[in-house]
Amino acid sequence: MASISTLFTKTPNPSPSLCLPRTSKSHFTPAFRLPIPLHSKKRTHQKLRVSSALIEPDGGKLVELFVEESLRDVKKREALRMPRIKLSRIDLEWVHVLSEGWASPLRGFMRESEFLQTLHFNSLRLDDGSFVNMSVPIVLAIDDADKHQIGDSTKVALVDSKDNTIAILSSIEIYKHHKEERIARTWGTTAPGLPYVDQAIAKSGNWLIGGDLEVVEPVKYNDGLDRFRLSPAELREEFTRRNADAVFAFQLRNPVHNGHALLMTDTRRRLLEMGYKNPVLLLHPLGGYTKADDVPLSWRMKQHEKVLEDGVLDPETTVVSIFPSPMHYAGPTEVQWHAKARINAGANFYIVGRDPAGMGHPVEKRDLYDADHGKKVLSMAPGLERLNILPSRYRNYCSSYETQNCFPI
């Protein structure tokens, strides 16, 4: 039986079962009307309709933003004549997210209308009048000097810390960055000490720039883990290859413990009881920015390796991949983004446990968010009606060696 451990021990060549060819086409079609969700009261006593097809992405198709390989050099030469905006590490992670279609149907960093819809409605209205969920702003901040050098230009080049051209942003729109409103509406507080705010917002520029994104250099981290960073298109190919008739996603930003394993294996059992023949788990640790006291990604991946190597989870029905999004720690607001992105990767079930995407209050000795609000919000969120929410049925697990040592899940 194949094990994820082979992925860690194999050198340059990745496992053919997990690393697939990257597609580069950009496309978009209008969204469709959404069916009644599993968690709707109208379906409480109805038998779940079992379907073998993967769930469609938001907007109908993945919006991938890569320039065709044959045109990359041309685009890079064009970029040399444009104003240049230097990307931070977190900005680069958002380029990665956008480029692969995790935020479909977004076509780039948000313009003002998209930013305001996200802040005030947690959703975006599409051209046909339907909605998709979008709960966290995906924006690019610039300062006064950047704004001045852009002038009347309609395009800018986005470069990394070494001045390598990563992308072009075209048909740009520059608008005011109201930081306090953004922070208050995203986190529900402006208390000092919010990690993402301190890292990415507080010292950022007073303007936001949005536009259509063309990625000329796919984002790589060269940390030995790039082979695990499967795009939504690659994950969909993998689920199809495995003949999955259901995909259930579980996100972690810390190591798997026995309670998590119990939750994931029990979820598969429940899906089999519903009538699915081959439900596949997407074990999808968050791989973007995390706060300093979270376990580093490299160690989490080694621990995930051991979990599969020891047979705690079945490698034949588990796909381990890295979700490239930065972490906000914005509780019920952010967990909607986490769920929405997994729809685009092909997941039609989403496991949600205690206090997803939450953290302790940065000033007071209490949790910043109610432990149950994440799962409640997901069951009601606009634009997530197609996603079946699977709340954790376990409140605690106790270790076998020390029964008084119990952990909430």
Protein backbone atom coordinates (compact mmCIF):
# COMPACT_ATOMS: atom_id res chain seq x y z
CA MET A 1 0.00 0.00 0.00
CA ALA A 2 1.39 3.37 -0.97
CA SER A 3 2.30 5.67 1.87
CA ILE A 4 2.89 9.37 2.11
CA SER A 5 6.24 8.49 3.66
CA THR A 6 7.52 7.67 0.19
CA LEU A 7 6.91 11.28 -0.79
CA PHE A 8 9.25 12.51 1.90
CA THR A 9 12.00 10.04 1.10
CA LYS A 10 11.92 10.29 -2.69
CA THR A 11 14.18 12.96 -4.09
CA PRO A 12 13.60 15.14 -7.01
CA ASN A 13 10.80 13.10 -8.64
CA PRO A 14 7.43 13.49 -6.92
CA SER A 15 4.89 10.71 -6.53
CA PRO A 16 2.90 10.31 -9.75
CA SER A 17 -0.25 9.79 -7.72
CA LEU A 18 -0.08 13.22 -6.13
CA CYS A 19 1.86 15.57 -8.39
CA LEU A 20 0.10 16.18 -11.67
CA PRO A 21 0.68 18.47 -14.65
CA ARG A 22 -0.18 22.11 -13.94
CA THR A 23 -2.68 23.66 -16.29
CA SER A 24 -2.38 27.27 -17.42
CA LYS A 25 -5.61 28.26 -19.15
CA SER A 26 -7.72 31.07 -17.76
CA HIS A 27 -11.46 30.75 -18.13
CA PHE A 28 -14.71 31.86 -16.55
CA THR A 29 -18.37 31.17 -17.06
CA PRO A 30 -21.33 32.66 -15.17
CA ALA A 31 -22.39 30.89 -12.00
CA PHE A 32 -25.45 28.72 -11.79
CA ARG A 33 -28.37 28.58 -9.35
CA LEU A 34 -27.54 26.68 -6.20
CA PRO A 35 -29.53 23.65 -5.00
CA ILE A 36 -30.98 23.26 -1.50
CA PRO A 37 -28.11 22.42 0.89
CA LEU A 38 -27.78 19.29 3.00
CA HIS A 39 -28.06 21.33 6.17
CA SER A 40 -31.31 23.01 5.08
CA LYS A 41 -34.30 22.16 7.25
CA LYS A 42 -36.19 21.10 4.11
CA ARG A 43 -33.78 18.18 3.70
CA THR A 44 -33.42 17.11 7.30
CA HIS A 45 -35.40 13.89 6.83
CA GLN A 46 -34.56 13.25 3.19
CA LYS A 47 -31.99 10.75 2.03
CA LEU A 48 -28.87 12.38 0.64
CA ARG A 49 -28.64 12.13 -3.15
CA VAL A 50 -25.39 10.33 -3.95
CA SER A 51 -23.55 11.63 -7.03
CA SER A 52 -20.30 10.46 -8.54
CA ALA A 53 -19.38 13.83 -10.11
CA LEU A 54 -17.12 16.31 -8.36
CA ILE A 55 -18.74 19.55 -7.22
CA GLU A 56 -18.30 22.39 -9.70
CA PRO A 57 -16.09 25.36 -8.74
CA ASP A 58 -17.63 28.70 -7.81
CA GLY A 59 -18.66 30.42 -11.01
CA GLY A 60 -18.81 27.13 -12.94
CA LYS A 61 -15.11 26.80 -13.85
CA LEU A 62 -11.75 27.36 -12.19
CA VAL A 63 -10.22 30.74 -12.92
CA GLU A 64 -6.49 30.06 -13.29
CA LEU A 65 -4.39 33.13 -13.96
CA PHE A 66 -1.17 31.78 -15.46
CA VAL A 67 0.33 33.20 -18.62
CA GLU A 68 0.93 30.49 -21.22
CA GLU A 69 4.50 29.28 -21.02
CA SER A 70 5.25 30.33 -24.61
CA LEU A 71 4.33 33.93 -23.75
CA ARG A 72 6.18 34.27 -20.45
CA ASP A 73 9.34 35.83 -21.85
CA VAL A 74 7.29 38.34 -23.85
CA LYS A 75 5.31 39.32 -20.77
CA LYS A 76 8.47 39.67 -18.70
CA ARG A 77 9.95 42.04 -21.27
CA GLU A 78 6.72 44.07 -21.25
CA ALA A 79 6.85 44.21 -17.46
CA LEU A 80 10.27 45.89 -17.55
CA ARG A 81 8.60 49.01 -18.98
CA MET A 82 5.94 49.20 -16.25
CA PRO A 83 5.93 50.71 -12.75
CA ARG A 84 7.00 48.04 -10.27
CA ILE A 85 5.35 47.05 -6.99
CA LYS A 86 7.38 44.94 -4.57
CA LEU A 87 5.44 42.06 -2.98
CA SER A 88 5.80 41.06 0.64
CA ARG A 89 5.90 37.38 1.60
CA ILE A 90 2.17 37.45 2.39
CA ASP A 91 1.39 39.32 -0.85
CA LEU A 92 3.24 36.56 -2.72
CA GLU A 93 1.12 33.92 -0.96
CA TRP A 94 -2.02 35.72 -2.13
CA VAL A 95 -0.69 35.78 -5.70
CA HIS A 96 -0.25 32.01 -5.34
CA VAL A 97 -3.83 31.63 -4.08
CA LEU A 98 -5.30 33.74 -6.88
CA SER A 99 -3.18 32.21 -9.64
CA GLU A 100 -4.40 28.65 -9.00
CA GLY A 101 -8.09 29.46 -8.68
CA TRP A 102 -8.62 28.96 -4.95
CA ALA A 103 -10.56 32.25 -4.95
CA SER A 104 -12.50 31.59 -8.18
CA PRO A 105 -14.17 33.47 -9.74
CA LEU A 106 -11.83 36.32 -8.71
CA ARG A 107 -9.52 37.34 -11.56
CA GLY A 108 -7.03 39.28 -9.48
CA PHE A 109 -6.60 41.49 -6.45
CA MET A 110 -9.93 43.03 -5.49
CA ARG A 111 -11.16 46.29 -6.90
CA GLU A 112 -13.17 48.54 -4.59
CA SER A 113 -16.60 47.07 -5.42
CA GLU A 114 -15.37 43.55 -4.64
CA PHE A 115 -13.62 44.75 -1.50
CA LEU A 116 -16.79 46.42 -0.19
CA GLN A 117 -18.99 43.40 -0.97
CA THR A 118 -16.54 41.18 0.89
CA LEU A 119 -16.41 43.44 3.95
CA HIS A 120 -20.13 44.09 4.18
CA PHE A 121 -21.80 40.96 2.75
CA ASN A 122 -19.16 38.18 2.91
CA SER A 123 -20.07 37.38 -0.68
CA LEU A 124 -19.76 38.55 -4.28
CA ARG A 125 -22.63 39.03 -6.72
CA LEU A 126 -21.92 37.57 -10.16
CA ASP A 127 -23.15 38.90 -13.50
CA ASP A 128 -26.13 36.54 -13.53
CA GLY A 129 -27.31 37.76 -10.10
CA SER A 130 -26.16 34.70 -8.15
CA PHE A 131 -23.73 34.87 -5.23
CA VAL A 132 -20.51 33.17 -4.26
CA ASN A 133 -19.04 33.30 -0.79
CA MET A 134 -16.06 35.60 -0.22
CA SER A 135 -15.44 36.51 3.41
CA VAL A 136 -11.87 37.83 3.59
CA PRO A 137 -10.44 40.65 1.46
CA ILE A 138 -7.75 39.59 -1.00
CA VAL A 139 -6.14 42.95 -1.59
CA LEU A 140 -2.77 44.51 -2.35
CA ALA A 141 -1.69 47.57 -0.38
CA ILE A 142 0.59 50.29 -1.77
CA ASP A 143 2.01 53.46 -0.22
CA ASP A 144 2.02 57.07 -1.41
CA ALA A 145 5.33 56.64 -3.23
CA ASP A 146 3.98 53.63 -5.15
CA LYS A 147 0.84 55.55 -6.06
CA HIS A 148 2.91 58.49 -7.30
CA GLN A 149 5.20 56.36 -9.47
CA ILE A 150 2.22 54.54 -11.01
CA GLY A 151 0.73 57.85 -12.12
CA ASP A 152 -1.57 57.35 -15.11
CA SER A 153 -0.33 53.85 -15.93
CA THR A 154 -3.01 51.18 -16.36
CA LYS A 155 -0.62 48.30 -15.67
CA VAL A 156 1.97 47.51 -13.02
CA ALA A 157 4.53 44.73 -12.63
CA LEU A 158 4.55 42.78 -9.36
CA VAL A 159 8.03 41.70 -8.29
CA ASP A 160 9.43 39.60 -5.47
CA SER A 161 12.10 40.57 -2.93
CA LYS A 162 14.84 39.91 -5.54
CA ASP A 163 13.09 42.06 -8.18
CA ASN A 164 12.04 39.04 -10.24
CA THR A 165 8.83 39.69 -12.16
CA ILE A 166 6.08 37.49 -10.77
CA ALA A 167 2.94 38.94 -12.33
CA ILE A 168 1.33 41.82 -14.18
CA LEU A 169 -1.71 43.63 -12.80
CA SER A 170 -3.73 45.33 -15.54
CA SER A 171 -6.81 47.56 -15.82
CA ILE A 172 -5.85 48.73 -12.37
CA GLU A 173 -7.96 50.62 -9.87
CA ILE A 174 -6.44 52.43 -6.87
CA TYR A 175 -8.64 53.27 -3.90
CA LYS A 176 -8.33 54.24 -0.25
CA HIS A 177 -7.23 51.61 2.27
CA HIS A 178 -9.53 52.15 5.25
CA LYS A 179 -7.56 49.98 7.64
CA GLU A 180 -9.69 50.39 10.75
CA GLU A 181 -12.89 49.46 8.90
CA ARG A 182 -11.16 46.48 7.28
CA ILE A 183 -9.83 45.23 10.61
CA ALA A 184 -13.07 45.79 12.53
CA ARG A 185 -15.23 44.03 9.95
CA THR A 186 -12.86 41.12 9.37
CA TRP A 187 -11.97 40.37 13.00
CA GLY A 188 -14.86 41.96 14.88
CA THR A 189 -12.36 43.87 17.01
CA THR A 190 -9.55 46.41 16.69
CA ALA A 191 -7.75 45.14 19.79
CA PRO A 192 -3.96 45.41 19.51
CA GLY A 193 -1.94 42.26 18.95
CA LEU A 194 -3.88 40.55 16.14
CA PRO A 195 -1.08 38.61 14.37
CA TYR A 196 -2.13 39.09 10.74
CA VAL A 197 -2.93 42.74 11.34
CA ASP A 198 0.48 43.39 12.85
CA GLN A 199 2.21 41.47 10.06
CA ALA A 200 0.30 42.56 6.98
CA ILE A 201 -1.96 45.55 7.60
CA ALA A 202 -0.81 47.93 10.34
CA LYS A 203 2.33 49.10 8.52
CA SER A 204 1.03 48.66 4.99
CA GLY A 205 0.25 51.51 2.62
CA ASN A 206 -2.79 53.78 2.70
CA TRP A 207 -4.00 52.67 -0.74
CA LEU A 208 -5.22 49.44 -2.27
CA ILE A 209 -4.65 48.48 -5.89
CA GLY A 210 -6.87 45.99 -7.70
CA GLY A 211 -6.95 44.64 -11.22
CA ASP A 212 -6.69 41.62 -13.50
CA LEU A 213 -3.76 39.35 -12.63
CA GLU A 214 -1.50 37.60 -15.13
CA VAL A 215 1.04 35.37 -13.39
CA VAL A 216 4.20 34.96 -15.45
CA GLU A 217 6.21 33.06 -12.84
CA PRO A 218 4.32 30.37 -10.85
CA VAL A 219 5.06 30.77 -7.16
CA LYS A 220 7.55 28.28 -5.72
CA TYR A 221 9.00 28.24 -2.19
CA ASN A 222 11.93 25.85 -2.71
CA ASP A 223 11.52 24.51 0.82
CA GLY A 224 11.29 20.82 -0.08
CA LEU A 225 7.49 20.91 0.16
CA ASP A 226 6.48 22.31 -3.24
CA ARG A 227 5.49 18.81 -4.40
CA PHE A 228 2.68 18.89 -1.83
CA ARG A 229 1.28 22.21 -3.00
CA LEU A 230 -1.30 20.81 -5.39
CA SER A 231 -3.54 23.30 -7.17
CA PRO A 232 -7.34 22.88 -7.27
CA ALA A 233 -7.02 21.53 -10.82
CA GLU A 234 -4.40 18.99 -9.75
CA LEU A 235 -6.47 17.90 -6.76
CA ARG A 236 -9.53 17.44 -8.96
CA GLU A 237 -7.48 15.26 -11.30
CA GLU A 238 -6.26 13.21 -8.35
CA PHE A 239 -9.78 12.71 -6.96
CA THR A 240 -10.97 11.66 -10.42
CA ARG A 241 -8.04 9.24 -10.76
CA ARG A 242 -9.03 7.66 -7.44
CA ASN A 243 -12.69 7.41 -8.53
CA ALA A 244 -13.84 9.47 -5.55
CA ASP A 245 -17.60 9.88 -5.36
CA ALA A 246 -17.30 12.23 -2.36
CA VAL A 247 -14.46 14.41 -1.11
CA PHE A 248 -14.39 15.52 2.51
CA ALA A 249 -11.88 18.17 3.54
CA PHE A 250 -10.26 18.78 6.90
CA GLN A 251 -7.95 21.70 7.59
CA LEU A 252 -5.32 21.83 10.32
CA ARG A 253 -2.73 24.42 11.23
CA ASN A 254 -1.21 22.19 13.93
CA PRO A 255 -0.31 18.47 14.09
CA VAL A 256 -2.90 15.70 13.84
CA HIS A 257 -3.78 14.15 17.19
CA ASN A 258 -5.82 11.04 17.94
CA GLY A 259 -9.02 13.03 18.26
CA HIS A 260 -8.58 14.45 14.77
CA ALA A 261 -7.91 10.96 13.40
CA LEU A 262 -11.06 9.65 15.10
CA LEU A 263 -13.06 12.51 13.59
CA MET A 264 -11.75 11.87 10.06
CA THR A 265 -12.21 8.09 10.14
CA ASP A 266 -15.69 8.45 11.63
CA THR A 267 -16.60 10.93 8.88
CA ARG A 268 -15.66 8.40 6.21
CA ARG A 269 -17.78 5.76 7.97
CA ARG A 270 -20.75 8.15 8.02
CA LEU A 271 -20.36 8.87 4.29
CA LEU A 272 -20.26 5.15 3.51
CA GLU A 273 -23.47 4.75 5.52
CA MET A 274 -25.03 7.53 3.42
CA GLY A 275 -24.43 5.42 0.31
CA TYR A 276 -21.12 6.72 -1.05
CA LYS A 277 -18.82 3.99 -2.33
CA ASN A 278 -15.43 5.70 -2.25
CA PRO A 279 -15.25 8.88 -0.16
CA VAL A 280 -11.74 10.37 -0.18
CA LEU A 281 -10.28 12.55 2.56
CA LEU A 282 -8.46 15.76 1.64
CA LEU A 283 -6.15 16.33 4.61
CA HIS A 284 -5.27 19.92 3.87
CA PRO A 285 -2.96 21.70 6.32
CA LEU A 286 -2.70 25.44 5.99
CA GLY A 287 0.65 26.39 4.51
CA GLY A 288 0.69 30.18 4.31
CA TYR A 289 1.55 32.68 7.02
CA THR A 290 0.90 31.48 10.59
CA LYS A 291 1.69 33.15 13.90
CA ALA A 292 5.00 32.51 15.61
CA ASP A 293 3.75 30.03 18.22
CA ASP A 294 2.07 27.68 15.71
CA VAL A 295 3.96 24.52 14.76
CA PRO A 296 6.08 25.15 11.61
CA LEU A 297 4.77 23.64 8.38
CA SER A 298 7.80 21.40 7.84
CA TRP A 299 7.25 19.66 11.18
CA ARG A 300 3.52 19.34 10.59
CA MET A 301 4.18 17.61 7.27
CA LYS A 302 6.63 15.19 8.89
CA GLN A 303 3.97 14.35 11.48
CA HIS A 304 1.36 13.86 8.76
CA GLU A 305 3.80 11.45 7.12
CA LYS A 306 3.99 9.41 10.30
CA VAL A 307 0.21 9.32 10.70
CA LEU A 308 -0.17 7.66 7.30
CA GLU A 309 2.92 5.51 7.67
CA ASP A 310 1.50 4.03 10.89
CA GLY A 311 -1.90 3.39 9.27
CA VAL A 312 -3.80 5.81 11.50
CA LEU A 313 -5.28 7.12 8.24
CA ASP A 314 -5.52 5.00 5.09
CA PRO A 315 -3.12 6.31 2.39
CA GLU A 316 -5.36 4.80 -0.31
CA THR A 317 -8.29 7.01 0.68
CA THR A 318 -6.36 10.08 1.88
CA VAL A 319 -4.80 12.87 -0.17
CA VAL A 320 -2.40 15.13 1.74
CA SER A 321 -1.79 18.53 0.22
CA ILE A 322 -0.88 22.04 1.39
CA PHE A 323 -3.38 24.89 1.26
CA PRO A 324 -1.32 28.00 0.37
CA SER A 325 -3.48 30.65 2.03
CA PRO A 326 -2.15 32.92 4.78
CA MET A 327 -3.92 32.58 8.13
CA HIS A 328 -5.95 35.50 9.49
CA TYR A 329 -7.16 33.96 12.80
CA ALA A 330 -10.48 35.69 12.11
CA GLY A 331 -12.77 32.95 13.45
CA PRO A 332 -16.25 32.58 11.88
CA THR A 333 -15.41 35.12 9.18
CA GLU A 334 -12.29 33.32 8.03
CA VAL A 335 -13.67 29.79 8.24
CA GLN A 336 -16.04 30.70 5.40
CA TRP A 337 -13.01 31.42 3.21
CA HIS A 338 -11.45 28.10 4.17
CA ALA A 339 -14.64 26.25 3.22
CA LYS A 340 -15.20 28.19 -0.02
CA ALA A 341 -11.67 27.50 -1.24
CA ARG A 342 -12.15 23.75 -0.77
CA ILE A 343 -15.23 23.82 -3.01
CA ASN A 344 -12.94 25.05 -5.77
CA ALA A 345 -10.64 22.08 -5.06
CA GLY A 346 -13.52 19.62 -5.47
CA ALA A 347 -14.64 19.02 -1.86
CA ASN A 348 -18.37 18.66 -1.31
CA PHE A 349 -18.09 17.94 2.42
CA TYR A 350 -16.23 20.04 4.98
CA ILE A 351 -15.41 18.92 8.52
CA VAL A 352 -15.59 21.71 11.05
CA GLY A 353 -14.56 21.32 14.66
CA ARG A 354 -14.25 23.52 17.70
CA ASP A 355 -13.34 27.20 17.22
CA PRO A 356 -12.14 26.89 13.60
CA ALA A 357 -9.75 29.69 12.60
CA GLY A 358 -9.90 31.18 16.08
CA MET A 359 -7.33 32.17 18.67
CA GLY A 360 -7.04 33.53 22.16
CA HIS A 361 -7.92 37.17 22.70
CA PRO A 362 -4.72 39.18 22.18
CA VAL A 363 -5.28 41.25 25.35
CA GLU A 364 -7.75 39.46 27.62
CA LYS A 365 -7.55 35.92 29.02
CA ARG A 366 -10.35 34.38 26.95
CA ASP A 367 -11.05 33.03 23.48
CA LEU A 368 -11.55 35.71 20.86
CA TYR A 369 -14.55 33.86 19.34
CA ASP A 370 -17.28 31.53 20.57
CA ALA A 371 -16.14 27.93 20.04
CA ASP A 372 -19.40 26.93 18.27
CA HIS A 373 -19.95 29.97 16.07
CA GLY A 374 -17.74 28.75 13.23
CA LYS A 375 -19.83 25.66 12.54
CA LYS A 376 -23.08 27.59 12.98
CA VAL A 377 -22.00 30.31 10.55
CA LEU A 378 -20.95 27.75 7.94
CA SER A 379 -24.42 26.21 7.99
CA MET A 380 -25.97 29.59 7.13
CA ALA A 381 -23.34 31.39 5.05
CA PRO A 382 -24.45 32.80 1.68
CA GLY A 383 -22.75 31.11 -1.24
CA LEU A 384 -21.90 27.91 0.65
CA GLU A 385 -25.24 26.22 0.11
CA ARG A 386 -23.73 23.49 -2.07
CA LEU A 387 -21.18 22.51 0.58
CA ASN A 388 -22.28 19.90 3.11
CA ILE A 389 -21.06 20.90 6.57
CA LEU A 390 -20.04 18.08 8.89
CA PRO A 391 -19.79 19.44 12.45
CA SER A 392 -17.62 17.52 14.89
CA ARG A 393 -19.71 15.16 17.03
CA TYR A 394 -16.95 14.90 19.64
CA ARG A 395 -16.29 17.47 22.28
CA ASN A 396 -13.08 15.98 23.71
CA TYR A 397 -10.69 13.12 23.31
CA CYS A 398 -8.62 11.71 26.15
CA SER A 399 -5.22 10.15 25.65
CA SER A 400 -5.05 6.43 26.41
CA TYR A 401 -2.03 6.83 28.63
CA GLU A 402 -3.42 9.63 30.77
CA THR A 403 -7.19 9.76 30.78
CA GLN A 404 -7.36 13.04 32.65
CA ASN A 405 -5.46 14.71 29.80
CA CYS A 406 -8.36 15.69 27.54
CA PHE A 407 -8.36 17.95 24.48
CA PRO A 408 -11.28 19.71 22.75
CA ILE A 409 -11.78 19.00 19.03
